[in-house]
C-alpha cells in the first residue's frame, strides 16, 4: 500500500480558497444587482435649452424687463416661422 505524504496545501492554500470563496460570493450577489441597475437606468443626454427657454429664464431672474421679454420673444417667433 502506497501512502502520499507531504502534499497538503498549507496555510496559503486555505487562505487562497477563503479569499476566492469571498470573491465568488461577492460576484454572485453583486453582479446581478449591478446588471439590473445598469439596465434600468435611463441613458439620457442633456438637451440644450431652446432660445425661448433661455429668454424665459432671463426674464424670471429679472435680467430683462417684461417689454424687452415680449419684444425679443416676438422676434424669436417671427424668425422661427420664416
N, C-alpha and C. Protein backbone atom coordinates (compact mmCIF):
# COMPACT_ATOMS: atom_id res chain seq x y z
N UNK A 1 0.83 -1.16 0.00
CA UNK A 1 0.00 0.00 0.00
C UNK A 1 0.89 1.24 0.00
N UNK A 2 0.58 2.17 -0.92
CA UNK A 2 1.40 3.36 -1.05
C UNK A 2 0.66 4.55 -0.44
N UNK A 3 1.31 5.29 0.47
CA UNK A 3 0.72 6.45 1.11
C UNK A 3 1.44 7.70 0.62
N UNK A 4 0.67 8.74 0.38
CA UNK A 4 1.25 10.01 -0.06
C UNK A 4 1.33 10.96 1.12
N UNK A 5 2.50 11.41 1.37
CA UNK A 5 2.72 12.37 2.46
C UNK A 5 3.29 13.65 1.86
N UNK A 6 3.19 14.70 2.64
CA UNK A 6 3.82 15.98 2.30
C UNK A 6 3.24 16.61 1.03
N UNK A 7 1.96 16.41 0.81
CA UNK A 7 1.31 17.06 -0.32
C UNK A 7 0.09 17.87 0.13
N UNK A 8 0.11 18.37 1.32
CA UNK A 8 -1.00 19.19 1.78
C UNK A 8 -0.80 20.63 1.30
N UNK A 9 -1.86 21.41 1.36
CA UNK A 9 -1.81 22.77 0.82
C UNK A 9 -1.02 23.72 1.71
N UNK A 10 -1.12 23.59 2.97
CA UNK A 10 -0.50 24.56 3.85
C UNK A 10 -1.44 25.73 4.09
N UNK A 11 -1.00 26.70 4.86
CA UNK A 11 -1.86 27.83 5.23
C UNK A 11 -2.20 28.71 4.05
N UNK A 12 -1.28 28.86 3.09
CA UNK A 12 -1.53 29.75 1.96
C UNK A 12 -2.63 29.19 1.05
N UNK A 13 -2.74 27.89 0.96
CA UNK A 13 -3.79 27.29 0.15
C UNK A 13 -5.16 27.54 0.74
N UNK A 14 -5.26 27.39 2.06
CA UNK A 14 -6.54 27.64 2.72
C UNK A 14 -6.90 29.13 2.68
N UNK A 15 -5.91 30.00 2.81
CA UNK A 15 -6.16 31.44 2.73
C UNK A 15 -6.63 31.81 1.32
N UNK A 16 -5.99 31.22 0.31
CA UNK A 16 -6.39 31.48 -1.07
C UNK A 16 -7.80 31.01 -1.36
N UNK A 17 -8.15 29.83 -0.83
CA UNK A 17 -9.51 29.34 -1.02
C UNK A 17 -10.52 30.23 -0.32
N UNK A 18 -10.18 30.72 0.86
CA UNK A 18 -11.09 31.61 1.59
C UNK A 18 -11.32 32.92 0.84
N UNK A 19 -10.25 33.52 0.35
CA UNK A 19 -10.37 34.76 -0.41
C UNK A 19 -11.15 34.50 -1.70
N UNK A 20 -10.85 33.40 -2.37
CA UNK A 20 -11.56 33.06 -3.60
C UNK A 20 -13.04 32.86 -3.37
N UNK A 21 -13.39 32.22 -2.26
CA UNK A 21 -14.81 31.99 -1.95
C UNK A 21 -15.52 33.31 -1.67
N UNK A 22 -14.88 34.22 -0.95
CA UNK A 22 -15.49 35.53 -0.69
C UNK A 22 -15.69 36.28 -2.00
N UNK A 23 -14.69 36.26 -2.88
CA UNK A 23 -14.83 36.94 -4.17
C UNK A 23 -15.91 36.30 -5.03
N UNK A 24 -16.02 35.00 -5.00
CA UNK A 24 -17.05 34.31 -5.77
C UNK A 24 -18.44 34.70 -5.29
N UNK A 25 -18.66 34.69 -3.98
CA UNK A 25 -19.98 35.07 -3.46
C UNK A 25 -20.27 36.54 -3.70
N UNK A 26 -19.26 37.39 -3.62
CA UNK A 26 -19.47 38.81 -3.93
C UNK A 26 -19.88 38.97 -5.38
N UNK A 27 -19.26 38.23 -6.28
CA UNK A 27 -19.63 38.29 -7.70
C UNK A 27 -21.03 37.76 -7.93
N UNK A 28 -21.39 36.70 -7.25
CA UNK A 28 -22.72 36.11 -7.41
C UNK A 28 -23.81 37.05 -6.88
N UNK A 29 -23.54 37.75 -5.80
CA UNK A 29 -24.54 38.63 -5.20
C UNK A 29 -24.56 40.01 -5.86
N UNK A 30 -23.40 40.62 -6.03
CA UNK A 30 -23.33 41.99 -6.53
C UNK A 30 -23.48 42.04 -8.05
N UNK A 31 -23.05 41.03 -8.75
CA UNK A 31 -23.11 41.04 -10.21
C UNK A 31 -24.51 41.24 -10.77
N UNK A 32 -25.48 40.40 -10.39
CA UNK A 32 -26.84 40.61 -10.92
C UNK A 32 -27.45 41.95 -10.50
N UNK A 33 -27.17 42.39 -9.29
CA UNK A 33 -27.69 43.68 -8.84
C UNK A 33 -27.14 44.80 -9.72
N UNK A 34 -25.85 44.77 -9.99
CA UNK A 34 -25.24 45.79 -10.84
C UNK A 34 -25.80 45.73 -12.26
N UNK A 35 -26.01 44.54 -12.78
CA UNK A 35 -26.57 44.41 -14.12
C UNK A 35 -27.99 44.97 -14.21
N UNK A 36 -28.81 44.69 -13.20
CA UNK A 36 -30.18 45.20 -13.20
C UNK A 36 -30.18 46.72 -13.09
N UNK A 37 -29.36 47.26 -12.22
CA UNK A 37 -29.30 48.73 -12.07
C UNK A 37 -28.81 49.38 -13.35
N UNK A 38 -27.85 48.77 -14.01
CA UNK A 38 -27.35 49.31 -15.26
C UNK A 38 -28.42 49.25 -16.34
N UNK A 39 -29.20 48.19 -16.35
CA UNK A 39 -30.22 48.01 -17.38
C UNK A 39 -31.39 48.98 -17.21
N UNK A 40 -31.74 49.33 -15.97
CA UNK A 40 -32.93 50.16 -15.77
C UNK A 40 -32.63 51.65 -15.74
N UNK A 41 -31.38 52.04 -15.61
CA UNK A 41 -31.08 53.48 -15.60
C UNK A 41 -31.23 54.02 -17.01
N UNK A 42 -31.84 55.17 -17.10
CA UNK A 42 -32.06 55.79 -18.39
C UNK A 42 -30.79 56.52 -18.81
N UNK A 43 -30.43 56.32 -20.05
CA UNK A 43 -29.25 56.99 -20.57
C UNK A 43 -29.72 58.20 -21.39
N UNK A 44 -29.94 59.29 -20.71
CA UNK A 44 -30.42 60.48 -21.38
C UNK A 44 -29.28 61.47 -21.54
N UNK A 45 -29.18 62.02 -22.72
CA UNK A 45 -28.22 63.08 -22.93
C UNK A 45 -28.93 64.40 -22.67
N UNK A 46 -28.30 65.28 -21.94
CA UNK A 46 -28.98 66.55 -21.64
C UNK A 46 -29.16 67.36 -22.93
N UNK A 47 -30.37 67.83 -23.13
CA UNK A 47 -30.66 68.63 -24.31
C UNK A 47 -30.44 70.10 -23.98
N UNK A 48 -29.85 70.83 -24.89
CA UNK A 48 -29.63 72.26 -24.62
C UNK A 48 -30.96 73.00 -24.60
N UNK A 49 -31.07 74.04 -23.81
CA UNK A 49 -32.34 74.78 -23.74
C UNK A 49 -32.60 75.51 -25.06
N UNK A 50 -33.87 75.65 -25.37
CA UNK A 50 -34.27 76.39 -26.57
C UNK A 50 -34.06 77.88 -26.31
N UNK A 51 -33.98 78.67 -27.38
CA UNK A 51 -33.84 80.12 -27.18
C UNK A 51 -34.98 80.73 -26.36
N UNK A 52 -36.19 80.18 -26.54
CA UNK A 52 -37.32 80.69 -25.76
C UNK A 52 -37.15 80.37 -24.27
N UNK A 53 -36.60 79.20 -23.96
CA UNK A 53 -36.36 78.84 -22.56
C UNK A 53 -35.29 79.74 -21.95
N UNK A 54 -34.25 80.03 -22.71
CA UNK A 54 -33.19 80.92 -22.22
C UNK A 54 -33.77 82.31 -21.94
N UNK A 55 -34.59 82.77 -22.86
CA UNK A 55 -35.21 84.08 -22.69
C UNK A 55 -36.13 84.10 -21.47
N UNK A 56 -36.92 83.05 -21.30
CA UNK A 56 -37.82 82.96 -20.14
C UNK A 56 -37.02 82.91 -18.83
N UNK A 57 -35.91 82.21 -18.83
CA UNK A 57 -35.06 82.16 -17.63
C UNK A 57 -34.50 83.53 -17.30
N UNK A 58 -34.07 84.25 -18.31
CA UNK A 58 -33.54 85.60 -18.06
C UNK A 58 -34.64 86.52 -17.51
N UNK A 59 -35.84 86.38 -18.04
CA UNK A 59 -36.96 87.19 -17.54
C UNK A 59 -37.30 86.81 -16.10
N UNK A 60 -37.27 85.51 -15.80
CA UNK A 60 -37.58 85.05 -14.44
C UNK A 60 -36.54 85.53 -13.44
N UNK A 61 -35.30 85.62 -13.85
CA UNK A 61 -34.25 86.10 -12.94
C UNK A 61 -34.24 87.62 -12.81
N UNK A 62 -35.03 88.32 -13.64
CA UNK A 62 -35.10 89.77 -13.56
C UNK A 62 -34.02 90.47 -14.35
N UNK A 63 -33.37 89.77 -15.25
CA UNK A 63 -32.30 90.38 -16.05
C UNK A 63 -32.85 91.28 -17.14
N UNK A 64 -34.07 91.00 -17.60
CA UNK A 64 -34.70 91.82 -18.64
C UNK A 64 -36.11 92.18 -18.18
N UNK A 65 -36.61 93.27 -18.73
CA UNK A 65 -37.96 93.72 -18.36
C UNK A 65 -39.01 92.95 -19.16
N UNK A 66 -40.27 93.16 -18.78
CA UNK A 66 -41.36 92.46 -19.45
C UNK A 66 -41.47 92.91 -20.91
N UNK A 67 -41.28 94.20 -21.13
CA UNK A 67 -41.35 94.72 -22.50
C UNK A 67 -40.24 94.12 -23.35
N UNK A 68 -39.05 94.11 -22.80
CA UNK A 68 -37.92 93.53 -23.54
C UNK A 68 -38.15 92.04 -23.79
N UNK A 69 -38.71 91.36 -22.81
CA UNK A 69 -39.01 89.93 -22.98
C UNK A 69 -40.00 89.71 -24.12
N UNK A 70 -41.09 90.48 -24.12
CA UNK A 70 -42.11 90.32 -25.16
C UNK A 70 -41.56 90.68 -26.54
N UNK A 71 -40.74 91.74 -26.61
CA UNK A 71 -40.16 92.14 -27.90
C UNK A 71 -39.23 91.05 -28.44
N UNK A 72 -38.37 90.55 -27.59
CA UNK A 72 -37.43 89.51 -28.03
C UNK A 72 -38.15 88.21 -28.37
N UNK A 73 -39.19 87.88 -27.61
CA UNK A 73 -39.96 86.67 -27.89
C UNK A 73 -40.66 86.79 -29.25
N UNK A 74 -41.18 87.97 -29.54
CA UNK A 74 -41.83 88.18 -30.84
C UNK A 74 -40.81 88.02 -31.98
N UNK A 75 -39.61 88.55 -31.79
CA UNK A 75 -38.57 88.42 -32.81
C UNK A 75 -38.20 86.95 -32.99
N UNK A 76 -38.06 86.22 -31.89
CA UNK A 76 -37.73 84.79 -32.00
C UNK A 76 -38.81 84.02 -32.74
N UNK A 77 -40.04 84.26 -32.42
CA UNK A 77 -41.15 83.52 -33.05
C UNK A 77 -41.29 83.88 -34.53
N UNK A 78 -41.07 85.16 -34.86
CA UNK A 78 -41.10 85.55 -36.27
C UNK A 78 -39.95 84.90 -37.03
N UNK A 79 -38.81 84.81 -36.40
CA UNK A 79 -37.63 84.19 -37.03
C UNK A 79 -37.86 82.69 -37.23
N UNK A 80 -38.54 82.05 -36.31
CA UNK A 80 -38.78 80.60 -36.43
C UNK A 80 -39.79 80.30 -37.53
N UNK A 81 -40.76 81.19 -37.76
CA UNK A 81 -41.76 80.97 -38.79
C UNK A 81 -41.15 81.09 -40.18
N UNK A 82 -40.17 81.96 -40.32
CA UNK A 82 -39.57 82.23 -41.64
C UNK A 82 -38.65 81.15 -42.10
